[in-house]
Amino acid sequence: MRAPQGSSRIAMGEDYEVAYWTDKFGVSRERLQQAVDTVGDGAAAVEEWLKR
């Protein structure tokens, strides 16, 4: 599995990045999308939101 180009941003349009982040955070694509829609594409912000 390839790691994302910019590890601080989540590119929902790139399947390999979605696969990476869903695996890293242990969430579904839908949950990851919900987090990105809520707090933006910053990986740290998404991670914090998912921990709530």
C-alpha atoms as a PDB file:
ATOM      1  CA  MET A   1       0.000   0.000   0.000  1.00  0.00           C
ATOM      2  CA  ARG A   2       1.388   3.374  -0.969  1.00  0.00           C
ATOM      3  CA  ALA A   3       1.606   6.099   1.610  1.00  0.00           C
ATOM      4  CA  PRO A   4       0.044   9.469   0.765  1.00  0.00           C
ATOM      5  CA  GLN A   5       2.043  12.118  -1.078  1.00  0.00           C
ATOM      6  CA  GLY A   6       1.463  14.721   1.608  1.00  0.00           C
ATOM      7  CA  SER A   7       1.078  12.978   4.923  1.00  0.00           C
ATOM      8  CA  SER A   8      -0.606  15.986   6.514  1.00  0.00           C
ATOM      9  CA  ARG A   9      -3.548  16.053   4.059  1.00  0.00           C
ATOM     10  CA  ILE A  10      -6.141  13.454   3.094  1.00  0.00           C
ATOM     11  CA  ALA A  11      -7.006  13.369  -0.621  1.00  0.00           C
ATOM     12  CA  MET A  12     -10.399  11.683  -0.804  1.00  0.00           C
ATOM     13  CA  GLY A  13     -10.168  11.618  -4.603  1.00  0.00           C
ATOM     14  CA  GLU A  14      -7.216   9.196  -4.546  1.00  0.00           C
ATOM     15  CA  ASP A  15      -8.227   5.591  -3.868  1.00  0.00           C
ATOM     16  CA  TYR A  16      -4.774   4.608  -2.567  1.00  0.00           C
ATOM     17  CA  GLU A  17      -4.852   7.477  -0.076  1.00  0.00           C
ATOM     18  CA  VAL A  18      -8.355   6.601   1.086  1.00  0.00           C
ATOM     19  CA  ALA A  19      -7.204   2.991   1.556  1.00  0.00           C
ATOM     20  CA  TYR A  20      -4.167   4.171   3.532  1.00  0.00           C
ATOM     21  CA  TRP A  21      -6.119   6.484   5.843  1.00  0.00           C
ATOM     22  CA  THR A  22      -9.051   4.117   6.415  1.00  0.00           C
ATOM     23  CA  ASP A  23      -6.570   1.415   7.399  1.00  0.00           C
ATOM     24  CA  LYS A  24      -4.525   3.783   9.578  1.00  0.00           C
ATOM     25  CA  PHE A  25      -7.568   5.099  11.435  1.00  0.00           C
ATOM     26  CA  GLY A  26      -9.541   1.838  11.346  1.00  0.00           C
ATOM     27  CA  VAL A  27     -12.652   3.441   9.851  1.00  0.00           C
ATOM     28  CA  SER A  28     -14.839   3.058   6.770  1.00  0.00           C
ATOM     29  CA  ARG A  29     -14.563   5.292   3.714  1.00  0.00           C
ATOM     30  CA  GLU A  30     -17.909   6.842   4.695  1.00  0.00           C
ATOM     31  CA  ARG A  31     -16.706   7.671   8.210  1.00  0.00           C
ATOM     32  CA  LEU A  32     -13.479   9.143   6.828  1.00  0.00           C
ATOM     33  CA  GLN A  33     -15.502  11.259   4.368  1.00  0.00           C
ATOM     34  CA  GLN A  34     -17.730  12.459   7.204  1.00  0.00           C
ATOM     35  CA  ALA A  35     -14.661  13.524   9.174  1.00  0.00           C
ATOM     36  CA  VAL A  36     -13.128  15.335   6.189  1.00  0.00           C
ATOM     37  CA  ASP A  37     -16.440  17.080   5.470  1.00  0.00           C
ATOM     38  CA  THR A  38     -16.658  18.196   9.099  1.00  0.00           C
ATOM     39  CA  VAL A  39     -13.106  19.326   9.917  1.00  0.00           C
ATOM     40  CA  GLY A  40     -11.341  19.572   6.548  1.00  0.00           C
ATOM     41  CA  ASP A  41      -8.626  17.422   4.998  1.00  0.00           C
ATOM     42  CA  GLY A  42      -5.932  17.907   7.622  1.00  0.00           C
ATOM     43  CA  ALA A  43      -4.897  14.479   8.879  1.00  0.00           C
ATOM     44  CA  ALA A  44      -4.341  15.644  12.471  1.00  0.00           C
ATOM     45  CA  ALA A  45      -7.773  17.300  12.656  1.00  0.00           C
ATOM     46  CA  VAL A  46      -9.446  14.242  11.132  1.00  0.00           C
ATOM     47  CA  GLU A  47      -7.682  11.954  13.598  1.00  0.00           C
ATOM     48  CA  GLU A  48      -8.795  14.085  16.545  1.00  0.00           C
ATOM     49  CA  TRP A  49     -12.387  14.184  15.246  1.00  0.00           C
ATOM     50  CA  LEU A  50     -12.441  10.402  14.811  1.00  0.00           C
ATOM     51  CA  LYS A  51     -11.246   9.899  18.406  1.00  0.00           C
ATOM     52  CA  ARG A  52     -14.327  11.678  19.800  1.00  0.00           C
END
